[in-house]
Amino acid sequence: MKIDLALRRGLAVAALVVLAGCGGRPYVYAPLESVDFRSRATIDGDDAVRISAAVPSAEETESLFGMPLYDQGVQPVWLEIENKTDVRLRYAHTGTDREYFSPLEVAYKNRKGLSDEGR
């Protein structure tokens, strides 16, 4: 009788774990090329380095990332940095904005609402 009760409890726990795993929503996003925010890019530079920067709107951001990042105080910025020299250059992204969030920080902040595949 004890084995039967332990087996039932084990099956119940396994069923709860499986159901809890199905509760997350999948990560749905649009391909980068499907949103035309880069046409608004500001371009600056010289013969050595060229920098392009663009900011997707709130609607474009939700389409790209599948979640309302602007509502969370996160504004994504697209940067393209082209090094036209033979010298290796390094871009320190944390020096750009004092309130910079890395992609991993934003993903971690939103991890609970996503499925295992989305995480």
PDB file of N, CA and C in Angstrom:
ATOM      1  N   MET A   1       0.805  -1.196   0.000  1.00  0.00           N
ATOM      2  CA  MET A   1       0.000   0.000   0.000  1.00  0.00           C
ATOM      3  C   MET A   1       0.854   1.269   0.000  1.00  0.00           C
ATOM      4  N   LYS A   2       1.991   1.258   0.710  1.00  0.00           N
ATOM      5  CA  LYS A   2       2.864   2.428   0.766  1.00  0.00           C
ATOM      6  C   LYS A   2       3.482   2.725  -0.597  1.00  0.00           C
ATOM      7  N   ILE A   3       3.821   1.713  -1.341  1.00  0.00           N
ATOM      8  CA  ILE A   3       4.412   1.920  -2.667  1.00  0.00           C
ATOM      9  C   ILE A   3       3.387   2.561  -3.595  1.00  0.00           C
ATOM     10  N   ASP A   4       2.171   2.112  -3.514  1.00  0.00           N
ATOM     11  CA  ASP A   4       1.112   2.655  -4.361  1.00  0.00           C
ATOM     12  C   ASP A   4       0.894   4.147  -4.072  1.00  0.00           C
ATOM     13  N   LEU A   5       0.885   4.542  -2.810  1.00  0.00           N
ATOM     14  CA  LEU A   5       0.706   5.949  -2.434  1.00  0.00           C
ATOM     15  C   LEU A   5       1.904   6.783  -2.896  1.00  0.00           C
ATOM     16  N   ALA A   6       3.112   6.271  -2.738  1.00  0.00           N
ATOM     17  CA  ALA A   6       4.318   6.979  -3.174  1.00  0.00           C
ATOM     18  C   ALA A   6       4.314   7.137  -4.694  1.00  0.00           C
ATOM     19  N   LEU A   7       3.877   6.106  -5.406  1.00  0.00           N
ATOM     20  CA  LEU A   7       3.801   6.175  -6.858  1.00  0.00           C
ATOM     21  C   LEU A   7       2.796   7.238  -7.299  1.00  0.00           C
ATOM     22  N   ARG A   8       1.658   7.281  -6.617  1.00  0.00           N
ATOM     23  CA  ARG A   8       0.646   8.291  -6.941  1.00  0.00           C
ATOM     24  C   ARG A   8       1.175   9.705  -6.710  1.00  0.00           C
ATOM     25  N   ARG A   9       1.830   9.892  -5.602  1.00  0.00           N
ATOM     26  CA  ARG A   9       2.396  11.213  -5.312  1.00  0.00           C
ATOM     27  C   ARG A   9       3.444  11.604  -6.346  1.00  0.00           C
ATOM     28  N   GLY A  10       4.296  10.658  -6.715  1.00  0.00           N
ATOM     29  CA  GLY A  10       5.320  10.918  -7.725  1.00  0.00           C
ATOM     30  C   GLY A  10       4.709  11.293  -9.068  1.00  0.00           C
ATOM     31  N   LEU A  11       3.661  10.583  -9.463  1.00  0.00           N
ATOM     32  CA  LEU A  11       2.978  10.895 -10.714  1.00  0.00           C
ATOM     33  C   LEU A  11       2.300  12.266 -10.651  1.00  0.00           C
ATOM     34  N   ALA A  12       1.726  12.590  -9.511  1.00  0.00           N
ATOM     35  CA  ALA A  12       1.076  13.890  -9.354  1.00  0.00           C
ATOM     36  C   ALA A  12       2.104  15.022  -9.462  1.00  0.00           C
ATOM     37  N   VAL A  13       3.251  14.857  -8.830  1.00  0.00           N
ATOM     38  CA  VAL A  13       4.306  15.874  -8.909  1.00  0.00           C
ATOM     39  C   VAL A  13       4.812  15.995 -10.341  1.00  0.00           C
ATOM     40  N   ALA A  14       5.022  14.872 -11.008  1.00  0.00           N
ATOM     41  CA  ALA A  14       5.487  14.897 -12.399  1.00  0.00           C
ATOM     42  C   ALA A  14       4.468  15.602 -13.294  1.00  0.00           C
ATOM     43  N   ALA A  15       3.188  15.328 -13.085  1.00  0.00           N
ATOM     44  CA  ALA A  15       2.142  15.974 -13.880  1.00  0.00           C
ATOM     45  C   ALA A  15       2.136  17.485 -13.643  1.00  0.00           C
ATOM     46  N   LEU A  16       2.313  17.910 -12.397  1.00  0.00           N
ATOM     47  CA  LEU A  16       2.355  19.340 -12.095  1.00  0.00           C
ATOM     48  C   LEU A  16       3.552  20.019 -12.750  1.00  0.00           C
ATOM     49  N   VAL A  17       4.690  19.350 -12.743  1.00  0.00           N
ATOM     50  CA  VAL A  17       5.884  19.911 -13.372  1.00  0.00           C
ATOM     51  C   VAL A  17       5.665  20.062 -14.883  1.00  0.00           C
ATOM     52  N   VAL A  18       5.087  19.049 -15.505  1.00  0.00           N
ATOM     53  CA  VAL A  18       4.819  19.119 -16.947  1.00  0.00           C
ATOM     54  C   VAL A  18       3.828  20.232 -17.254  1.00  0.00           C
ATOM     55  N   LEU A  19       2.769  20.335 -16.483  1.00  0.00           N
ATOM     56  CA  LEU A  19       1.775  21.385 -16.712  1.00  0.00           C
ATOM     57  C   LEU A  19       2.357  22.778 -16.474  1.00  0.00           C
ATOM     58  N   ALA A  20       3.189  22.919 -15.469  1.00  0.00           N
ATOM     59  CA  ALA A  20       3.807  24.218 -15.199  1.00  0.00           C
ATOM     60  C   ALA A  20       4.730  24.621 -16.350  1.00  0.00           C
ATOM     61  N   GLY A  21       5.417  23.657 -16.939  1.00  0.00           N
ATOM     62  CA  GLY A  21       6.286  23.946 -18.072  1.00  0.00           C
ATOM     63  C   GLY A  21       5.521  24.391 -19.301  1.00  0.00           C
ATOM     64  N   CYS A  22       4.282  23.974 -19.420  1.00  0.00           N
ATOM     65  CA  CYS A  22       3.456  24.364 -20.564  1.00  0.00           C
ATOM     66  C   CYS A  22       2.819  25.735 -20.370  1.00  0.00           C
ATOM     67  N   GLY A  23       2.946  26.294 -19.182  1.00  0.00           N
ATOM     68  CA  GLY A  23       2.260  27.546 -18.876  1.00  0.00           C
ATOM     69  C   GLY A  23       2.896  28.789 -19.448  1.00  0.00           C
ATOM     70  N   GLY A  24       4.148  28.743 -19.843  1.00  0.00           N
ATOM     71  CA  GLY A  24       4.817  29.931 -20.388  1.00  0.00           C
ATOM     72  C   GLY A  24       4.377  30.214 -21.809  1.00  0.00           C
ATOM     73  N   ARG A  25       4.527  31.458 -22.201  1.00  0.00           N
ATOM     74  CA  ARG A  25       4.192  31.797 -23.584  1.00  0.00           C
ATOM     75  C   ARG A  25       5.448  31.707 -24.437  1.00  0.00           C
ATOM     76  N   PRO A  26       5.318  31.340 -25.700  1.00  0.00           N
ATOM     77  CA  PRO A  26       6.503  31.235 -26.544  1.00  0.00           C
ATOM     78  C   PRO A  26       7.058  32.611 -26.876  1.00  0.00           C
ATOM     79  N   TYR A  27       8.326  32.651 -27.169  1.00  0.00           N
ATOM     80  CA  TYR A  27       8.969  33.898 -27.572  1.00  0.00           C
ATOM     81  C   TYR A  27       8.681  34.106 -29.055  1.00  0.00           C
ATOM     82  N   VAL A  28       7.896  35.128 -29.363  1.00  0.00           N
ATOM     83  CA  VAL A  28       7.509  35.415 -30.734  1.00  0.00           C
ATOM     84  C   VAL A  28       8.121  36.758 -31.124  1.00  0.00           C
ATOM     85  N   TYR A  29       8.794  36.788 -32.244  1.00  0.00           N
ATOM     86  CA  TYR A  29       9.431  38.021 -32.686  1.00  0.00           C
ATOM     87  C   TYR A  29       9.359  38.108 -34.203  1.00  0.00           C
ATOM     88  N   ALA A  30       9.595  39.300 -34.703  1.00  0.00           N
ATOM     89  CA  ALA A  30       9.645  39.527 -36.153  1.00  0.00           C
ATOM     90  C   ALA A  30      11.108  39.578 -36.575  1.00  0.00           C
ATOM     91  N   PRO A  31      11.421  39.099 -37.768  1.00  0.00           N
ATOM     92  CA  PRO A  31      12.803  39.228 -38.257  1.00  0.00           C
ATOM     93  C   PRO A  31      13.204  40.700 -38.340  1.00  0.00           C
ATOM     94  N   LEU A  32      14.464  40.985 -38.109  1.00  0.00           N
ATOM     95  CA  LEU A  32      14.973  42.354 -38.106  1.00  0.00           C
ATOM     96  C   LEU A  32      14.640  43.086 -39.404  1.00  0.00           C
ATOM     97  N   GLU A  33      14.704  42.369 -40.511  1.00  0.00           N
ATOM     98  CA  GLU A  33      14.457  42.986 -41.814  1.00  0.00           C
ATOM     99  C   GLU A  33      12.999  43.386 -42.012  1.00  0.00           C
ATOM    100  N   SER A  34      12.089  42.832 -41.226  1.00  0.00           N
ATOM    101  CA  SER A  34      10.661  43.116 -41.410  1.00  0.00           C
ATOM    102  C   SER A  34      10.231  44.455 -40.799  1.00  0.00           C
ATOM    103  N   VAL A  35      11.100  45.071 -40.010  1.00  0.00           N
ATOM    104  CA  VAL A  35      10.791  46.353 -39.381  1.00  0.00           C
ATOM    105  C   VAL A  35      11.776  47.383 -39.931  1.00  0.00           C
ATOM    106  N   ASP A  36      11.243  48.502 -40.432  1.00  0.00           N
ATOM    107  CA  ASP A  36      12.069  49.444 -41.191  1.00  0.00           C
ATOM    108  C   ASP A  36      12.596  50.615 -40.353  1.00  0.00           C
ATOM    109  N   PHE A  37      13.051  50.371 -39.133  1.00  0.00           N
ATOM    110  CA  PHE A  37      13.561  51.470 -38.316  1.00  0.00           C
ATOM    111  C   PHE A  37      14.959  51.906 -38.761  1.00  0.00           C
ATOM    112  N   ARG A  38      15.714  51.027 -39.430  1.00  0.00           N
ATOM    113  CA  ARG A  38      17.079  51.370 -39.829  1.00  0.00           C
ATOM    114  C   ARG A  38      17.126  52.428 -40.932  1.00  0.00           C
ATOM    115  N   SER A  39      16.001  52.627 -41.625  1.00  0.00           N
ATOM    116  CA  SER A  39      15.981  53.684 -42.650  1.00  0.00           C
ATOM    117  C   SER A  39      16.070  55.071 -42.005  1.00  0.00           C
ATOM    118  N   ARG A  40      15.794  55.160 -40.713  1.00  0.00           N
ATOM    119  CA  ARG A  40      15.875  56.430 -39.979  1.00  0.00           C
ATOM    120  C   ARG A  40      17.219  56.595 -39.267  1.00  0.00           C
ATOM    121  N   ALA A  41      18.175  55.743 -39.572  1.00  0.00           N
ATOM    122  CA  ALA A  41      19.465  55.763 -38.875  1.00  0.00           C
ATOM    123  C   ALA A  41      20.204  57.072 -39.093  1.00  0.00           C
ATOM    124  N   THR A  42      20.875  57.509 -38.050  1.00  0.00           N
ATOM    125  CA  THR A  42      21.793  58.643 -38.126  1.00  0.00           C
ATOM    126  C   THR A  42      23.183  58.056 -38.336  1.00  0.00           C
ATOM    127  N   ILE A  43      23.902  58.604 -39.302  1.00  0.00           N
ATOM    128  CA  ILE A  43      25.219  58.074 -39.646  1.00  0.00           C
ATOM    129  C   ILE A  43      26.265  59.166 -39.435  1.00  0.00           C
ATOM    130  N   ASP A  44      27.367  58.798 -38.793  1.00  0.00           N
ATOM    131  CA  ASP A  44      28.456  59.743 -38.548  1.00  0.00           C
ATOM    132  C   ASP A  44      29.765  58.972 -38.624  1.00  0.00           C
ATOM    133  N   GLY A  45      30.835  59.681 -38.805  1.00  0.00           N
ATOM    134  CA  GLY A  45      32.138  59.037 -38.817  1.00  0.00           C
ATOM    135  C   GLY A  45      33.100  59.733 -39.745  1.00  0.00           C
ATOM    136  N   ASP A  46      34.190  59.044 -40.026  1.00  0.00           N
ATOM    137  CA  ASP A  46      35.224  59.580 -40.902  1.00  0.00           C
ATOM    138  C   ASP A  46      35.781  58.436 -41.744  1.00  0.00           C
ATOM    139  N   ASP A  47      36.992  58.606 -42.258  1.00  0.00           N
ATOM    140  CA  ASP A  47      37.590  57.578 -43.102  1.00  0.00           C
ATOM    141  C   ASP A  47      37.940  56.312 -42.313  1.00  0.00           C
ATOM    142  N   ALA A  48      38.071  56.426 -40.996  1.00  0.00           N
ATOM    143  CA  ALA A  48      38.491  55.289 -40.175  1.00  0.00           C
ATOM    144  C   ALA A  48      37.314  54.500 -39.598  1.00  0.00           C
ATOM    145  N   VAL A  49      36.313  55.192 -39.092  1.00  0.00           N
ATOM    146  CA  VAL A  49      35.193  54.539 -38.404  1.00  0.00           C
ATOM    147  C   VAL A  49      33.886  55.191 -38.826  1.00  0.00           C
ATOM    148  N   ARG A  50      32.885  54.370 -39.100  1.00  0.00           N
ATOM    149  CA  ARG A  50      31.549  54.873 -39.417  1.00  0.00           C
ATOM    150  C   ARG A  50      30.562  54.262 -38.431  1.00  0.00           C
ATOM    151  N   ILE A  51      29.704  55.102 -37.861  1.00  0.00           N
ATOM    152  CA  ILE A  51      28.731  54.655 -36.871  1.00  0.00           C
ATOM    153  C   ILE A  51      27.334  55.004 -37.364  1.00  0.00           C
ATOM    154  N   SER A  52      26.462  54.022 -37.341  1.00  0.00           N
ATOM    155  CA  SER A  52      25.049  54.222 -37.660  1.00  0.00           C
ATOM    156  C   SER A  52      24.250  53.883 -36.412  1.00  0.00           C
ATOM    157  N   ALA A  53      23.257  54.717 -36.098  1.00  0.00           N
ATOM    158  CA  ALA A  53      22.427  54.482 -34.914  1.00  0.00           C
ATOM    159  C   ALA A  53      20.972  54.729 -35.273  1.00  0.00           C
ATOM    160  N   ALA A  54      20.095  53.866 -34.768  1.00  0.00           N
ATOM    161  CA  ALA A  54      18.657  54.018 -34.989  1.00  0.00           C
ATOM    162  C   ALA A  54      17.917  53.500 -33.766  1.00  0.00           C
ATOM    163  N   VAL A  55      16.748  54.079 -33.523  1.00  0.00           N
ATOM    164  CA  VAL A  55      15.924  53.687 -32.384  1.00  0.00           C
ATOM    165  C   VAL A  55      14.565  53.234 -32.900  1.00  0.00           C
ATOM    166  N   PRO A  56      14.216  51.970 -32.687  1.00  0.00           N
ATOM    167  CA  PRO A  56      12.881  51.528 -33.088  1.00  0.00           C
ATOM    168  C   PRO A  56      11.814  52.140 -32.183  1.00  0.00           C
ATOM    169  N   SER A  57      10.650  52.415 -32.749  1.00  0.00           N
ATOM    170  CA  SER A  57       9.534  52.950 -31.963  1.00  0.00           C
ATOM    171  C   SER A  57       9.030  51.880 -31.002  1.00  0.00           C
ATOM    172  N   ALA A  58       8.112  52.257 -30.132  1.00  0.00           N
ATOM    173  CA  ALA A  58       7.534  51.295 -29.185  1.00  0.00           C
ATOM    174  C   ALA A  58       6.847  50.158 -29.928  1.00  0.00           C
ATOM    175  N   GLU A  59       6.123  50.485 -30.999  1.00  0.00           N
ATOM    176  CA  GLU A  59       5.420  49.460 -31.774  1.00  0.00           C
ATOM    177  C   GLU A  59       6.413  48.546 -32.488  1.00  0.00           C
ATOM    178  N   GLU A  60       7.455  49.142 -33.068  1.00  0.00           N
ATOM    179  CA  GLU A  60       8.479  48.346 -33.748  1.00  0.00           C
ATOM    180  C   GLU A  60       9.213  47.450 -32.757  1.00  0.00           C
ATOM    181  N   THR A  61       9.471  47.974 -31.570  1.00  0.00           N
ATOM    182  CA  THR A  61      10.150  47.199 -30.535  1.00  0.00           C
ATOM    183  C   THR A  61       9.324  45.994 -30.121  1.00  0.00           C
ATOM    184  N   GLU A  62       8.028  46.197 -29.935  1.00  0.00           N
ATOM    185  CA  GLU A  62       7.180  45.071 -29.543  1.00  0.00           C
ATOM    186  C   GLU A  62       7.121  44.033 -30.657  1.00  0.00           C
ATOM    187  N   SER A  63       7.126  44.481 -31.894  1.00  0.00           N
ATOM    188  CA  SER A  63       7.140  43.556 -33.023  1.00  0.00           C
ATOM    189  C   SER A  63       8.455  42.784 -33.079  1.00  0.00           C
ATOM    190  N   LEU A  64       9.556  43.475 -32.846  1.00  0.00           N
ATOM    191  CA  LEU A  64      10.871  42.839 -32.911  1.00  0.00           C
ATOM    192  C   LEU A  64      11.116  41.849 -31.779  1.00  0.00           C
ATOM    193  N   PHE A  65      10.744  42.232 -30.567  1.00  0.00           N
ATOM    194  CA  PHE A  65      11.097  41.435 -29.396  1.00  0.00           C
ATOM    195  C   PHE A  65       9.934  40.657 -28.788  1.00  0.00           C
ATOM    196  N   GLY A  66       8.717  40.941 -29.250  1.00  0.00           N
ATOM    197  CA  GLY A  66       7.567  40.201 -28.745  1.00  0.00           C
ATOM    198  C   GLY A  66       7.128  40.605 -27.355  1.00  0.00           C
ATOM    199  N   MET A  67       7.599  41.742 -26.874  1.00  0.00           N
ATOM    200  CA  MET A  67       7.188  42.222 -25.553  1.00  0.00           C
ATOM    201  C   MET A  67       7.324  43.745 -25.503  1.00  0.00           C
ATOM    202  N   PRO A  68       6.517  44.396 -24.678  1.00  0.00           N
ATOM    203  CA  PRO A  68       6.524  45.865 -24.620  1.00  0.00           C
ATOM    204  C   PRO A  68       7.671  46.406 -23.763  1.00  0.00           C
ATOM    205  N   LEU A  69       8.859  46.459 -24.332  1.00  0.00           N
ATOM    206  CA  LEU A  69      10.032  46.893 -23.563  1.00  0.00           C
ATOM    207  C   LEU A  69       9.929  48.347 -23.127  1.00  0.00           C
ATOM    208  N   TYR A  70       9.302  49.192 -23.938  1.00  0.00           N
ATOM    209  CA  TYR A  70       9.159  50.602 -23.555  1.00  0.00           C
ATOM    210  C   TYR A  70       8.364  50.731 -22.252  1.00  0.00           C
ATOM    211  N   ASP A  71       7.366  49.864 -22.056  1.00  0.00           N
ATOM    212  CA  ASP A  71       6.574  49.890 -20.819  1.00  0.00           C
ATOM    213  C   ASP A  71       7.426  49.541 -19.606  1.00  0.00           C
ATOM    214  N   GLN A  72       8.562  48.891 -19.825  1.00  0.00           N
ATOM    215  CA  GLN A  72       9.470  48.498 -18.742  1.00  0.00           C
ATOM    216  C   GLN A  72      10.609  49.502 -18.570  1.00  0.00           C
ATOM    217  N   GLY A  73      10.563  50.594 -19.332  1.00  0.00           N
ATOM    218  CA  GLY A  73      11.630  51.582 -19.238  1.00  0.00           C
ATOM    219  C   GLY A  73      12.874  51.206 -20.026  1.00  0.00           C
ATOM    220  N   VAL A  74      12.729  50.307 -21.001  1.00  0.00           N
ATOM    221  CA  VAL A  74      13.855  49.858 -21.810  1.00  0.00           C
ATOM    222  C   VAL A  74      13.639  50.335 -23.242  1.00  0.00           C
ATOM    223  N   GLN A  75      14.591  51.108 -23.757  1.00  0.00           N
ATOM    224  CA  GLN A  75      14.524  51.585 -25.139  1.00  0.00           C
ATOM    225  C   GLN A  75      15.696  50.969 -25.898  1.00  0.00           C
ATOM    226  N   PRO A  76      15.415  50.048 -26.821  1.00  0.00           N
ATOM    227  CA  PRO A  76      16.519  49.460 -27.577  1.00  0.00           C
ATOM    228  C   PRO A  76      17.096  50.461 -28.576  1.00  0.00           C
ATOM    229  N   VAL A  77      18.389  50.364 -28.788  1.00  0.00           N
ATOM    230  CA  VAL A  77      19.086  51.218 -29.748  1.00  0.00           C
ATOM    231  C   VAL A  77      19.915  50.297 -30.635  1.00  0.00           C
ATOM    232  N   TRP A  78      19.752  50.458 -31.940  1.00  0.00           N
ATOM    233  CA  TRP A  78      20.527  49.672 -32.897  1.00  0.00           C
ATOM    234  C   TRP A  78      21.766  50.464 -33.278  1.00  0.00           C
ATOM    235  N   LEU A  79      22.922  49.846 -33.115  1.00  0.00           N
ATOM    236  CA  LEU A  79      24.193  50.479 -33.485  1.00  0.00           C
ATOM    237  C   LEU A  79      24.923  49.577 -34.470  1.00  0.00           C
ATOM    238  N   GLU A  80      25.467  50.204 -35.493  1.00  0.00           N
ATOM    239  CA  GLU A  80      26.352  49.492 -36.410  1.00  0.00           C
ATOM    240  C   GLU A  80      27.637  50.296 -36.471  1.00  0.00           C
ATOM    241  N   ILE A  81      28.726  49.656 -36.110  1.00  0.00           N
ATOM    242  CA  ILE A  81      30.019  50.323 -36.084  1.00  0.00           C
ATOM    243  C   ILE A  81      30.922  49.626 -37.081  1.00  0.00           C
ATOM    244  N   GLU A  82      31.390  50.383 -38.056  1.00  0.00           N
ATOM    245  CA  GLU A  82      32.234  49.834 -39.109  1.00  0.00           C
ATOM    246  C   GLU A  82      33.648  50.368 -38.946  1.00  0.00           C
ATOM    247  N   ASN A  83      34.581  49.463 -38.737  1.00  0.00           N
ATOM    248  CA  ASN A  83      35.997  49.800 -38.604  1.00  0.00           C
ATOM    249  C   ASN A  83      36.644  49.631 -39.977  1.00  0.00           C
ATOM    250  N   LYS A  84      37.069  50.728 -40.565  1.00  0.00           N
ATOM    251  CA  LYS A  84      37.675  50.687 -41.903  1.00  0.00           C
ATOM    252  C   LYS A  84      39.197  50.663 -41.848  1.00  0.00           C
ATOM    253  N   THR A  85      39.746  50.454 -40.667  1.00  0.00           N
ATOM    254  CA  THR A  85      41.198  50.436 -40.510  1.00  0.00           C
ATOM    255  C   THR A  85      41.686  49.004 -40.329  1.00  0.00           C
ATOM    256  N   ASP A  86      42.982  48.841 -40.283  1.00  0.00           N
ATOM    257  CA  ASP A  86      43.586  47.539 -39.997  1.00  0.00           C
ATOM    258  C   ASP A  86      43.838  47.353 -38.501  1.00  0.00           C
ATOM    259  N   VAL A  87      43.564  48.380 -37.722  1.00  0.00           N
ATOM    260  CA  VAL A  87      43.794  48.351 -36.281  1.00  0.00           C
ATOM    261  C   VAL A  87      42.512  47.851 -35.598  1.00  0.00           C
ATOM    262  N   ARG A  88      42.682  46.966 -34.626  1.00  0.00           N
ATOM    263  CA  ARG A  88      41.521  46.492 -33.877  1.00  0.00           C
ATOM    264  C   ARG A  88      41.031  47.592 -32.950  1.00  0.00           C
ATOM    265  N   LEU A  89      39.744  47.819 -32.969  1.00  0.00           N
ATOM    266  CA  LEU A  89      39.128  48.816 -32.100  1.00  0.00           C
ATOM    267  C   LEU A  89      38.135  48.117 -31.190  1.00  0.00           C
ATOM    268  N   ARG A  90      37.887  48.728 -30.044  1.00  0.00           N
ATOM    269  CA  ARG A  90      36.927  48.165 -29.091  1.00  0.00           C
ATOM    270  C   ARG A  90      35.901  49.222 -28.761  1.00  0.00           C
ATOM    271  N   TYR A  91      34.644  48.792 -28.757  1.00  0.00           N
ATOM    272  CA  TYR A  91      33.553  49.691 -28.381  1.00  0.00           C
ATOM    273  C   TYR A  91      33.101  49.336 -26.971  1.00  0.00           C
ATOM    274  N   ALA A  92      33.147  50.283 -26.061  1.00  0.00           N
ATOM    275  CA  ALA A  92      32.705  50.069 -24.677  1.00  0.00           C
ATOM    276  C   ALA A  92      31.271  50.560 -24.555  1.00  0.00           C
ATOM    277  N   HIS A  93      30.326  49.649 -24.735  1.00  0.00           N
ATOM    278  CA  HIS A  93      28.907  50.030 -24.762  1.00  0.00           C
ATOM    279  C   HIS A  93      28.411  50.602 -23.439  1.00  0.00           C
ATOM    280  N   THR A  94      29.001  50.226 -22.340  1.00  0.00           N
ATOM    281  CA  THR A  94      28.547  50.773 -21.059  1.00  0.00           C
ATOM    282  C   THR A  94      28.889  52.251 -20.916  1.00  0.00           C
ATOM    283  N   GLY A  95      29.830  52.751 -21.702  1.00  0.00           N
ATOM    284  CA  GLY A  95      30.165  54.164 -21.667  1.00  0.00           C
ATOM    285  C   GLY A  95      29.205  55.026 -22.469  1.00  0.00           C
ATOM    286  N   THR A  96      28.324  54.417 -23.222  1.00  0.00           N
ATOM    287  CA  THR A  96      27.374  55.153 -24.054  1.00  0.00           C
ATOM    288  C   THR A  96      26.242  55.750 -23.227  1.00  0.00           C
ATOM    289  N   ASP A  97      25.746  54.989 -22.265  1.00  0.00           N
ATOM    290  CA  ASP A  97      24.572  55.397 -21.495  1.00  0.00           C
ATOM    291  C   ASP A  97      24.730  54.912 -20.053  1.00  0.00           C
ATOM    292  N   ARG A  98      24.561  55.806 -19.118  1.00  0.00           N
ATOM    293  CA  ARG A  98      24.685  55.418 -17.697  1.00  0.00           C
ATOM    294  C   ARG A  98      23.616  54.418 -17.295  1.00  0.00           C
ATOM    295  N   GLU A  99      22.491  54.420 -17.970  1.00  0.00           N
ATOM    296  CA  GLU A  99      21.401  53.507 -17.633  1.00  0.00           C
ATOM    297  C   GLU A  99      21.317  52.344 -18.621  1.00  0.00           C
ATOM    298  N   TYR A 100      22.445  51.939 -19.156  1.00  0.00           N
ATOM    299  CA  TYR A 100      22.525  50.853 -20.135  1.00  0.00           C
ATOM    300  C   TYR A 100      22.105  49.531 -19.507  1.00  0.00           C
ATOM    301  N   PHE A 101      21.259  48.804 -20.211  1.00  0.00           N
ATOM    302  CA  PHE A 101      20.892  47.435 -19.840  1.00  0.00           C
ATOM    303  C   PHE A 101      21.468  46.511 -20.899  1.00  0.00           C
ATOM    304  N   SER A 102      22.186  45.490 -20.493  1.00  0.00           N
ATOM    305  CA  SER A 102      22.689  44.526 -21.468  1.00  0.00           C
ATOM    306  C   SER A 102      21.510  43.657 -21.938  1.00  0.00           C
ATOM    307  N   PRO A 103      21.628  43.049 -23.106  1.00  0.00           N
ATOM    308  CA  PRO A 103      20.562  42.149 -23.559  1.00  0.00           C
ATOM    309  C   PRO A 103      20.272  41.033 -22.560  1.00  0.00           C
ATOM    310  N   LEU A 104      21.310  40.526 -21.893  1.00  0.00           N
ATOM    311  CA  LEU A 104      21.083  39.467 -20.904  1.00  0.00           C
ATOM    312  C   LEU A 104      20.282  39.964 -19.703  1.00  0.00           C
ATOM    313  N   GLU A 105      20.506  41.210 -19.295  1.00  0.00           N
ATOM    314  CA  GLU A 105      19.740  41.764 -18.173  1.00  0.00           C
ATOM    315  C   GLU A 105      18.257  41.881 -18.531  1.00  0.00           C
ATOM    316  N   VAL A 106      17.985  42.342 -19.745  1.00  0.00           N
ATOM    317  CA  VAL A 106      16.596  42.489 -20.176  1.00  0.00           C
ATOM    318  C   VAL A 106      15.949  41.117 -20.317  1.00  0.00           C
ATOM    319  N   ALA A 107      16.674  40.157 -20.876  1.00  0.00           N
ATOM    320  CA  ALA A 107      16.141  38.802 -21.011  1.00  0.00           C
ATOM    321  C   ALA A 107      15.873  38.194 -19.634  1.00  0.00           C
ATOM    322  N   TYR A 108      16.780  38.389 -18.692  1.00  0.00           N
ATOM    323  CA  TYR A 108      16.590  37.842 -17.342  1.00  0.00           C
ATOM    324  C   TYR A 108      15.368  38.473 -16.675  1.00  0.00           C
ATOM    325  N   LYS A 109      15.204  39.768 -16.884  1.00  0.00           N
ATOM    326  CA  LYS A 109      14.059  40.471 -16.308  1.00  0.00           C
ATOM    327  C   LYS A 109      12.729  39.907 -16.829  1.00  0.00           C
ATOM    328  N   ASN A 110      12.726  39.411 -18.049  1.00  0.00           N
ATOM    329  CA  ASN A 110      11.506  38.917 -18.681  1.00  0.00           C
ATOM    330  C   ASN A 110      11.421  37.398 -18.743  1.00  0.00           C
ATOM    331  N   ARG A 111      12.270  36.681 -18.056  1.00  0.00           N
ATOM    332  CA  ARG A 111      12.357  35.236 -18.191  1.00  0.00           C
ATOM    333  C   ARG A 111      11.118  34.492 -17.718  1.00  0.00           C
ATOM    334  N   LYS A 112      10.402  34.996 -16.750  1.00  0.00           N
ATOM    335  CA  LYS A 112       9.285  34.274 -16.159  1.00  0.00           C
ATOM    336  C   LYS A 112       8.105  34.116 -17.107  1.00  0.00           C
ATOM    337  N   GLY A 113       7.916  35.076 -18.002  1.00  0.00           N
ATOM    338  CA  GLY A 113       6.771  34.994 -18.897  1.00  0.00           C
ATOM    339  C   GLY A 113       7.020  34.194 -20.149  1.00  0.00           C
ATOM    340  N   LEU A 114       8.196  33.579 -20.285  1.00  0.00           N
ATOM    341  CA  LEU A 114       8.533  32.874 -21.505  1.00  0.00           C
ATOM    342  C   LEU A 114       8.576  31.361 -21.281  1.00  0.00           C
ATOM    343  N   SER A 115       8.406  30.624 -22.364  1.00  0.00           N
ATOM    344  CA  SER A 115       8.538  29.177 -22.320  1.00  0.00           C
ATOM    345  C   SER A 115      10.021  28.813 -22.225  1.00  0.00           C
ATOM    346  N   ASP A 116      10.327  27.531 -22.074  1.00  0.00           N
ATOM    347  CA  ASP A 116      11.724  27.094 -22.044  1.00  0.00           C
ATOM    348  C   ASP A 116      12.421  27.472 -23.340  1.00  0.00           C
ATOM    349  N   GLU A 117      11.728  27.331 -24.471  1.00  0.00           N
ATOM    350  CA  GLU A 117      12.311  27.685 -25.766  1.00  0.00           C
ATOM    351  C   GLU A 117      12.603  29.174 -25.827  1.00  0.00           C
ATOM    352  N   GLY A 118      11.713  29.991 -25.284  1.00  0.00           N
ATOM    353  CA  GLY A 118      11.900  31.435 -25.285  1.00  0.00           C
ATOM    354  C   GLY A 118      13.057  31.872 -24.420  1.00  0.00           C
ATOM    355  N   ARG A 119      13.241  31.187 -23.282  1.00  0.00           N
ATOM    356  CA  ARG A 119      14.358  31.528 -22.402  1.00  0.00           C
ATOM    357  C   ARG A 119      15.663  31.176 -23.060  1.00  0.00           C
TER     358      ARG A 119
END
